[in-house]
C-alpha cells in the first residue's frame, strides 16, 4: 500500500505542476491579447474617449476583471480625475461622469503617489471609496497612467477575489500604452486647435486686405 501511495503522490504532484504551468501560460496569453487589442485601438481612427471605452471593455473581457474604470486627468481642474470610461459591470451600473480628487479613494491615492495601489480587503483600508450601486467588491487594484513625471489618469479594476503581482504587471503594461495614446491625443488636439487658429488668422488677413483694396 505504501509503495502504491508513493507512486500516486508523484503523479498528483506532477499534475499540479502541469496545472499551474498551464494556468500561468493562459494568463500570459490573456495579457498579450489585451496588450495587442489596446495597441490596435491606439492605431485606429478613434477619439480618445472611444479608445478608453474600448480599452476598458478589453480589460474586462480578456483579463476577466468584474469592474473596470479608466480615469483621465481633468483639463479644467488640477489634481482631479474624470471617470467616464467603464467596462464589465460598471458599464451597466454607472451612468454619467464622476470626478475624483487626488485626495479621495484608492484611485486618487494611485494618482497622488504615482504608484500602483493593490488592496485585497477594501473593508480594512480607510482610503476606499465605495462606488454607488456596486456591491460584492473585496479587492481593488489602481494603476496610474504616467508619462515621465506627469500623471495622465488611472486604470482601476475591482473584483470579489484577491489580486496578485501578475495582475498588477498586466495592468501596468496597459497603462503604459494608454499613456502614449493620451499624450498623442493631446498633441493632436493642440495641433488641430493651432491649425484652426491659423486658418482664422488667414481668413482675417484676406478680409482685411480685401476691405483695404476696396
C-alpha atoms as a PDB file:
ATOM      1  CA  UNK A   1       0.000   0.000   0.000  1.00  0.00           C
ATOM      2  CA  UNK A   2       2.801   2.398   0.848  1.00  0.00           C
ATOM      3  CA  UNK A   3       4.511   1.660  -2.449  1.00  0.00           C
ATOM      4  CA  UNK A   4       1.246   2.313  -4.270  1.00  0.00           C
ATOM      5  CA  UNK A   5       0.776   5.632  -2.426  1.00  0.00           C
ATOM      6  CA  UNK A   6       4.344   6.606  -3.243  1.00  0.00           C
ATOM      7  CA  UNK A   7       3.540   6.190  -6.934  1.00  0.00           C
ATOM      8  CA  UNK A   8       0.300   8.170  -6.684  1.00  0.00           C
ATOM      9  CA  UNK A   9       1.827  11.166  -4.877  1.00  0.00           C
ATOM     10  CA  UNK A  10       4.450  11.994  -7.544  1.00  0.00           C
ATOM     11  CA  UNK A  11       1.798  11.618 -10.213  1.00  0.00           C
ATOM     12  CA  UNK A  12      -0.520  14.004  -8.364  1.00  0.00           C
ATOM     13  CA  UNK A  13       2.343  16.419  -7.763  1.00  0.00           C
ATOM     14  CA  UNK A  14       3.230  16.322 -11.449  1.00  0.00           C
ATOM     15  CA  UNK A  15      -0.362  17.049 -12.404  1.00  0.00           C
ATOM     16  CA  UNK A  16      -0.439  20.037 -10.048  1.00  0.00           C
ATOM     17  CA  UNK A  17       2.750  21.420 -11.566  1.00  0.00           C
ATOM     18  CA  UNK A  18       1.279  20.978 -15.039  1.00  0.00           C
ATOM     19  CA  UNK A  19      -1.964  22.671 -13.967  1.00  0.00           C
ATOM     20  CA  UNK A  20      -0.056  25.634 -12.514  1.00  0.00           C
ATOM     21  CA  UNK A  21       2.116  25.896 -15.616  1.00  0.00           C
ATOM     22  CA  UNK A  22      -0.968  25.787 -17.832  1.00  0.00           C
ATOM     23  CA  UNK A  23      -2.664  28.484 -15.740  1.00  0.00           C
ATOM     24  CA  UNK A  24       0.454  30.681 -15.920  1.00  0.00           C
ATOM     25  CA  UNK A  25       0.668  30.278 -19.702  1.00  0.00           C
ATOM     26  CA  UNK A  26      -3.019  31.054 -20.067  1.00  0.00           C
ATOM     27  CA  UNK A  27      -2.682  34.234 -18.028  1.00  0.00           C
ATOM     28  CA  UNK A  28       0.361  35.252 -20.065  1.00  0.00           C
ATOM     29  CA  UNK A  29      -1.576  34.676 -23.285  1.00  0.00           C
ATOM     30  CA  UNK A  30      -4.521  36.704 -21.975  1.00  0.00           C
ATOM     31  CA  UNK A  31      -2.164  39.530 -21.034  1.00  0.00           C
ATOM     32  CA  UNK A  32      -0.624  39.564 -24.515  1.00  0.00           C
ATOM     33  CA  UNK A  33      -4.109  39.527 -26.033  1.00  0.00           C
ATOM     34  CA  UNK A  34      -5.248  42.622 -24.150  1.00  0.00           C
ATOM     35  CA  UNK A  35      -1.979  44.410 -24.958  1.00  0.00           C
ATOM     36  CA  UNK A  36      -2.433  43.625 -28.654  1.00  0.00           C
ATOM     37  CA  UNK A  37      -6.070  44.726 -28.598  1.00  0.00           C
ATOM     38  CA  UNK A  38      -5.255  48.022 -26.915  1.00  0.00           C
ATOM     39  CA  UNK A  39      -2.446  48.559 -29.431  1.00  0.00           C
ATOM     40  CA  UNK A  40      -4.942  48.125 -32.278  1.00  0.00           C
ATOM     41  CA  UNK A  41      -7.265  50.637 -30.633  1.00  0.00           C
ATOM     42  CA  UNK A  42      -4.428  53.146 -30.330  1.00  0.00           C
ATOM     43  CA  UNK A  43      -3.525  52.872 -34.010  1.00  0.00           C
ATOM     44  CA  UNK A  44      -7.175  53.011 -35.096  1.00  0.00           C
ATOM     45  CA  UNK A  45      -9.070  56.127 -36.103  1.00  0.00           C
ATOM     46  CA  UNK A  46     -10.739  56.702 -32.722  1.00  0.00           C
ATOM     47  CA  UNK A  47     -11.103  59.727 -30.499  1.00  0.00           C
ATOM     48  CA  UNK A  48      -9.698  59.424 -27.003  1.00  0.00           C
ATOM     49  CA  UNK A  49     -12.976  58.664 -25.203  1.00  0.00           C
ATOM     50  CA  UNK A  50     -13.831  55.873 -27.656  1.00  0.00           C
ATOM     51  CA  UNK A  51     -10.311  54.468 -27.295  1.00  0.00           C
ATOM     52  CA  UNK A  52     -10.542  54.387 -23.493  1.00  0.00           C
ATOM     53  CA  UNK A  53     -14.031  52.838 -23.658  1.00  0.00           C
ATOM     54  CA  UNK A  54     -12.640  50.087 -25.889  1.00  0.00           C
ATOM     55  CA  UNK A  55      -9.639  49.561 -23.617  1.00  0.00           C
ATOM     56  CA  UNK A  56     -11.861  49.235 -20.529  1.00  0.00           C
ATOM     57  CA  UNK A  57     -14.008  46.627 -22.242  1.00  0.00           C
ATOM     58  CA  UNK A  58     -10.937  44.732 -23.490  1.00  0.00           C
ATOM     59  CA  UNK A  59      -9.529  44.594 -19.945  1.00  0.00           C
ATOM     60  CA  UNK A  60     -12.846  43.181 -18.732  1.00  0.00           C
ATOM     61  CA  UNK A  61     -13.269  40.608 -21.491  1.00  0.00           C
ATOM     62  CA  UNK A  62      -9.686  39.342 -21.783  1.00  0.00           C
ATOM     63  CA  UNK A  63      -8.437  39.598 -18.203  1.00  0.00           C
ATOM     64  CA  UNK A  64     -11.759  38.772 -16.569  1.00  0.00           C
ATOM     65  CA  UNK A  65     -11.957  41.681 -14.141  1.00  0.00           C
ATOM     66  CA  UNK A  66     -15.517  42.221 -12.961  1.00  0.00           C
ATOM     67  CA  UNK A  67     -15.435  46.028 -12.732  1.00  0.00           C
ATOM     68  CA  UNK A  68     -13.198  48.292 -14.819  1.00  0.00           C
ATOM     69  CA  UNK A  69     -12.873  52.085 -14.886  1.00  0.00           C
ATOM     70  CA  UNK A  70     -10.338  54.297 -16.649  1.00  0.00           C
ATOM     71  CA  UNK A  71      -9.929  57.838 -15.317  1.00  0.00           C
ATOM     72  CA  UNK A  72      -8.388  60.805 -17.133  1.00  0.00           C
ATOM     73  CA  UNK A  73      -6.795  63.880 -15.646  1.00  0.00           C
ATOM     74  CA  UNK A  74      -9.323  66.727 -15.725  1.00  0.00           C
ATOM     75  CA  UNK A  75      -8.418  69.537 -18.092  1.00  0.00           C
ATOM     76  CA  UNK A  76     -10.240  72.179 -16.047  1.00  0.00           C
ATOM     77  CA  UNK A  77      -9.104  71.348 -12.505  1.00  0.00           C
ATOM     78  CA  UNK A  78      -5.688  70.438 -11.038  1.00  0.00           C
ATOM     79  CA  UNK A  79      -5.301  67.122  -9.221  1.00  0.00           C
ATOM     80  CA  UNK A  80      -8.747  65.917 -10.260  1.00  0.00           C
ATOM     81  CA  UNK A  81      -9.662  62.797 -12.215  1.00  0.00           C
ATOM     82  CA  UNK A  82     -12.626  62.416 -14.563  1.00  0.00           C
ATOM     83  CA  UNK A  83     -14.073  58.907 -14.901  1.00  0.00           C
ATOM     84  CA  UNK A  84     -16.344  58.182 -17.861  1.00  0.00           C
ATOM     85  CA  UNK A  85     -14.885  55.016 -19.439  1.00  0.00           C
ATOM     86  CA  UNK A  86     -16.170  51.756 -17.965  1.00  0.00           C
ATOM     87  CA  UNK A  87     -16.052  48.007 -18.600  1.00  0.00           C
ATOM     88  CA  UNK A  88     -17.756  44.973 -17.088  1.00  0.00           C
ATOM     89  CA  UNK A  89     -20.486  45.544 -14.506  1.00  0.00           C
ATOM     90  CA  UNK A  90     -19.568  49.208 -14.231  1.00  0.00           C
ATOM     91  CA  UNK A  91     -20.738  49.746 -17.789  1.00  0.00           C
ATOM     92  CA  UNK A  92     -24.292  48.852 -16.764  1.00  0.00           C
ATOM     93  CA  UNK A  93     -24.311  50.187 -13.198  1.00  0.00           C
ATOM     94  CA  UNK A  94     -22.626  53.575 -13.585  1.00  0.00           C
ATOM     95  CA  UNK A  95     -24.207  56.291 -15.652  1.00  0.00           C
ATOM     96  CA  UNK A  96     -22.655  59.645 -16.444  1.00  0.00           C
ATOM     97  CA  UNK A  97     -19.302  61.075 -15.382  1.00  0.00           C
ATOM     98  CA  UNK A  98     -17.590  61.009 -11.994  1.00  0.00           C
ATOM     99  CA  UNK A  99     -14.959  63.428 -10.721  1.00  0.00           C
ATOM    100  CA  UNK A 100     -12.479  62.175  -8.095  1.00  0.00           C
ATOM    101  CA  UNK A 101      -9.909  64.453  -6.406  1.00  0.00           C
ATOM    102  CA  UNK A 102      -6.426  63.015  -5.874  1.00  0.00           C
ATOM    103  CA  UNK A 103      -7.135  63.211  -2.143  1.00  0.00           C
ATOM    104  CA  UNK A 104     -10.011  60.698  -2.289  1.00  0.00           C
ATOM    105  CA  UNK A 105     -10.240  56.934  -2.805  1.00  0.00           C
ATOM    106  CA  UNK A 106      -7.708  54.366  -3.918  1.00  0.00           C
ATOM    107  CA  UNK A 107      -7.840  55.796  -7.447  1.00  0.00           C
ATOM    108  CA  UNK A 108      -6.825  59.168  -6.066  1.00  0.00           C
ATOM    109  CA  UNK A 109      -4.069  57.542  -3.995  1.00  0.00           C
ATOM    110  CA  UNK A 110      -2.598  55.928  -7.127  1.00  0.00           C
ATOM    111  CA  UNK A 111      -2.631  59.263  -8.961  1.00  0.00           C
ATOM    112  CA  UNK A 112      -1.189  61.151  -5.989  1.00  0.00           C
ATOM    113  CA  UNK A 113       1.649  58.678  -5.309  1.00  0.00           C
ATOM    114  CA  UNK A 114       2.254  57.715  -8.981  1.00  0.00           C
ATOM    115  CA  UNK A 115       2.484  54.134  -7.733  1.00  0.00           C
ATOM    116  CA  UNK A 116       0.342  51.005  -8.043  1.00  0.00           C
ATOM    117  CA  UNK A 117      -2.181  50.606  -5.235  1.00  0.00           C
ATOM    118  CA  UNK A 118      -3.276  46.998  -4.550  1.00  0.00           C
ATOM    119  CA  UNK A 119      -5.727  46.320  -1.713  1.00  0.00           C
ATOM    120  CA  UNK A 120      -7.175  42.824  -1.297  1.00  0.00           C
ATOM    121  CA  UNK A 121      -9.552  43.722   1.536  1.00  0.00           C
ATOM    122  CA  UNK A 122     -11.013  47.164   0.927  1.00  0.00           C
ATOM    123  CA  UNK A 123     -13.018  46.998   4.159  1.00  0.00           C
ATOM    124  CA  UNK A 124      -9.748  47.419   6.065  1.00  0.00           C
ATOM    125  CA  UNK A 125      -8.468  50.390   4.069  1.00  0.00           C
ATOM    126  CA  UNK A 126      -9.785  53.828   5.116  1.00  0.00           C
ATOM    127  CA  UNK A 127      -8.942  55.227   1.683  1.00  0.00           C
ATOM    128  CA  UNK A 128     -11.531  53.020  -0.025  1.00  0.00           C
ATOM    129  CA  UNK A 129     -14.344  54.967  -1.653  1.00  0.00           C
ATOM    130  CA  UNK A 130     -17.391  52.740  -2.383  1.00  0.00           C
ATOM    131  CA  UNK A 131     -18.889  53.057  -5.842  1.00  0.00           C
ATOM    132  CA  UNK A 132     -22.613  53.878  -5.676  1.00  0.00           C
ATOM    133  CA  UNK A 133     -24.764  50.919  -6.697  1.00  0.00           C
ATOM    134  CA  UNK A 134     -21.870  48.409  -6.734  1.00  0.00           C
ATOM    135  CA  UNK A 135     -21.794  45.535  -4.214  1.00  0.00           C
ATOM    136  CA  UNK A 136     -19.589  42.489  -3.651  1.00  0.00           C
ATOM    137  CA  UNK A 137     -16.252  44.264  -4.075  1.00  0.00           C
ATOM    138  CA  UNK A 138     -13.479  42.935  -1.847  1.00  0.00           C
ATOM    139  CA  UNK A 139     -10.317  43.774  -3.800  1.00  0.00           C
ATOM    140  CA  UNK A 140      -9.248  46.838  -5.791  1.00  0.00           C
ATOM    141  CA  UNK A 141      -6.222  47.476  -7.989  1.00  0.00           C
ATOM    142  CA  UNK A 142      -5.417  51.004  -9.186  1.00  0.00           C
ATOM    143  CA  UNK A 143      -2.563  51.583 -11.651  1.00  0.00           C
ATOM    144  CA  UNK A 144      -1.524  55.159 -12.526  1.00  0.00           C
ATOM    145  CA  UNK A 145      -1.147  56.160 -16.165  1.00  0.00           C
ATOM    146  CA  UNK A 146       2.166  58.030 -16.086  1.00  0.00           C
ATOM    147  CA  UNK A 147       4.258  59.644 -18.812  1.00  0.00           C
ATOM    148  CA  UNK A 148       7.559  60.966 -17.497  1.00  0.00           C
ATOM    149  CA  UNK A 149       6.668  62.809 -14.307  1.00  0.00           C
ATOM    150  CA  UNK A 150       3.096  63.574 -15.394  1.00  0.00           C
ATOM    151  CA  UNK A 151       0.036  61.629 -14.237  1.00  0.00           C
ATOM    152  CA  UNK A 152      -2.441  61.354 -17.112  1.00  0.00           C
ATOM    153  CA  UNK A 153      -5.010  59.070 -15.456  1.00  0.00           C
ATOM    154  CA  UNK A 154      -5.593  55.784 -13.643  1.00  0.00           C
ATOM    155  CA  UNK A 155      -6.697  52.273 -14.655  1.00  0.00           C
ATOM    156  CA  UNK A 156      -8.846  50.845 -11.853  1.00  0.00           C
ATOM    157  CA  UNK A 157     -10.253  47.305 -11.512  1.00  0.00           C
ATOM    158  CA  UNK A 158     -12.284  45.657  -8.762  1.00  0.00           C
ATOM    159  CA  UNK A 159     -13.478  42.111  -8.067  1.00  0.00           C
ATOM    160  CA  UNK A 160     -14.502  39.732  -5.307  1.00  0.00           C
ATOM    161  CA  UNK A 161     -11.252  37.700  -5.275  1.00  0.00           C
ATOM    162  CA  UNK A 162      -7.702  38.885  -4.461  1.00  0.00           C
ATOM    163  CA  UNK A 163      -5.274  40.360  -6.976  1.00  0.00           C
ATOM    164  CA  UNK A 164      -1.585  39.444  -7.236  1.00  0.00           C
ATOM    165  CA  UNK A 165       1.551  40.906  -8.785  1.00  0.00           C
ATOM    166  CA  UNK A 166       0.756  39.321 -12.160  1.00  0.00           C
ATOM    167  CA  UNK A 167      -2.466  41.350 -12.232  1.00  0.00           C
ATOM    168  CA  UNK A 168      -0.541  44.496 -11.354  1.00  0.00           C
ATOM    169  CA  UNK A 169       2.054  43.848 -14.070  1.00  0.00           C
ATOM    170  CA  UNK A 170      -0.595  43.206 -16.724  1.00  0.00           C
ATOM    171  CA  UNK A 171      -2.344  46.497 -15.955  1.00  0.00           C
ATOM    172  CA  UNK A 172       0.952  48.379 -15.768  1.00  0.00           C
ATOM    173  CA  UNK A 173       1.722  47.360 -19.354  1.00  0.00           C
ATOM    174  CA  UNK A 174      -1.737  48.505 -20.470  1.00  0.00           C
ATOM    175  CA  UNK A 175      -1.336  51.777 -18.535  1.00  0.00           C
ATOM    176  CA  UNK A 176       1.972  52.436 -20.322  1.00  0.00           C
ATOM    177  CA  UNK A 177       0.228  52.012 -23.671  1.00  0.00           C
ATOM    178  CA  UNK A 178      -2.605  54.303 -22.642  1.00  0.00           C
ATOM    179  CA  UNK A 179      -0.132  56.972 -21.515  1.00  0.00           C
ATOM    180  CA  UNK A 180       1.220  57.181 -25.067  1.00  0.00           C
ATOM    181  CA  UNK A 181      -2.317  57.203 -26.509  1.00  0.00           C
ATOM    182  CA  UNK A 182      -3.484  60.019 -24.218  1.00  0.00           C
ATOM    183  CA  UNK A 183      -0.396  62.124 -24.935  1.00  0.00           C
ATOM    184  CA  UNK A 184      -0.790  61.595 -28.693  1.00  0.00           C
ATOM    185  CA  UNK A 185      -4.442  62.636 -28.442  1.00  0.00           C
ATOM    186  CA  UNK A 186      -3.452  65.789 -26.562  1.00  0.00           C
ATOM    187  CA  UNK A 187      -0.790  66.674 -29.117  1.00  0.00           C
ATOM    188  CA  UNK A 188      -3.220  66.067 -31.973  1.00  0.00           C
ATOM    189  CA  UNK A 189      -5.852  68.256 -30.349  1.00  0.00           C
ATOM    190  CA  UNK A 190      -3.309  71.019 -29.724  1.00  0.00           C
ATOM    191  CA  UNK A 191      -2.157  70.818 -33.337  1.00  0.00           C
ATOM    192  CA  UNK A 192      -5.762  70.898 -34.540  1.00  0.00           C
ATOM    193  CA  UNK A 193      -6.523  73.963 -32.439  1.00  0.00           C
ATOM    194  CA  UNK A 194      -3.364  75.597 -33.759  1.00  0.00           C
ATOM    195  CA  UNK A 195      -4.386  74.826 -37.340  1.00  0.00           C
ATOM    196  CA  UNK A 196      -7.882  76.233 -36.764  1.00  0.00           C
ATOM    197  CA  UNK A 197      -6.435  79.391 -35.206  1.00  0.00           C
ATOM    198  CA  UNK A 198      -4.006  79.829 -38.098  1.00  0.00           C
ATOM    199  CA  UNK A 199      -6.857  79.390 -40.583  1.00  0.00           C
ATOM    200  CA  UNK A 200      -8.897  82.046 -38.788  1.00  0.00           C
ATOM    201  CA  UNK A 201      -5.937  84.431 -38.910  1.00  0.00           C
ATOM    202  CA  UNK A 202      -5.506  83.746 -42.631  1.00  0.00           C
ATOM    203  CA  UNK A 203      -9.180  84.480 -43.331  1.00  0.00           C
ATOM    204  CA  UNK A 204      -8.977  87.633 -41.217  1.00  0.00           C
ATOM    205  CA  UNK A 205      -5.912  88.820 -43.182  1.00  0.00           C
ATOM    206  CA  UNK A 206      -7.637  88.136 -46.501  1.00  0.00           C
ATOM    207  CA  UNK A 207     -10.755  90.007 -45.393  1.00  0.00           C
ATOM    208  CA  UNK A 208      -8.633  92.889 -44.195  1.00  0.00           C
ATOM    209  CA  UNK A 209      -6.738  93.032 -47.490  1.00  0.00           C
ATOM    210  CA  UNK A 210      -9.977  92.834 -49.455  1.00  0.00           C
ATOM    211  CA  UNK A 211     -11.506  95.705 -47.500  1.00  0.00           C
ATOM    212  CA  UNK A 212      -8.339  97.763 -47.882  1.00  0.00           C
ATOM    213  CA  UNK A 213      -8.300  97.231 -51.656  1.00  0.00           C
ATOM    214  CA  UNK A 214     -11.945  98.190 -51.927  1.00  0.00           C
END
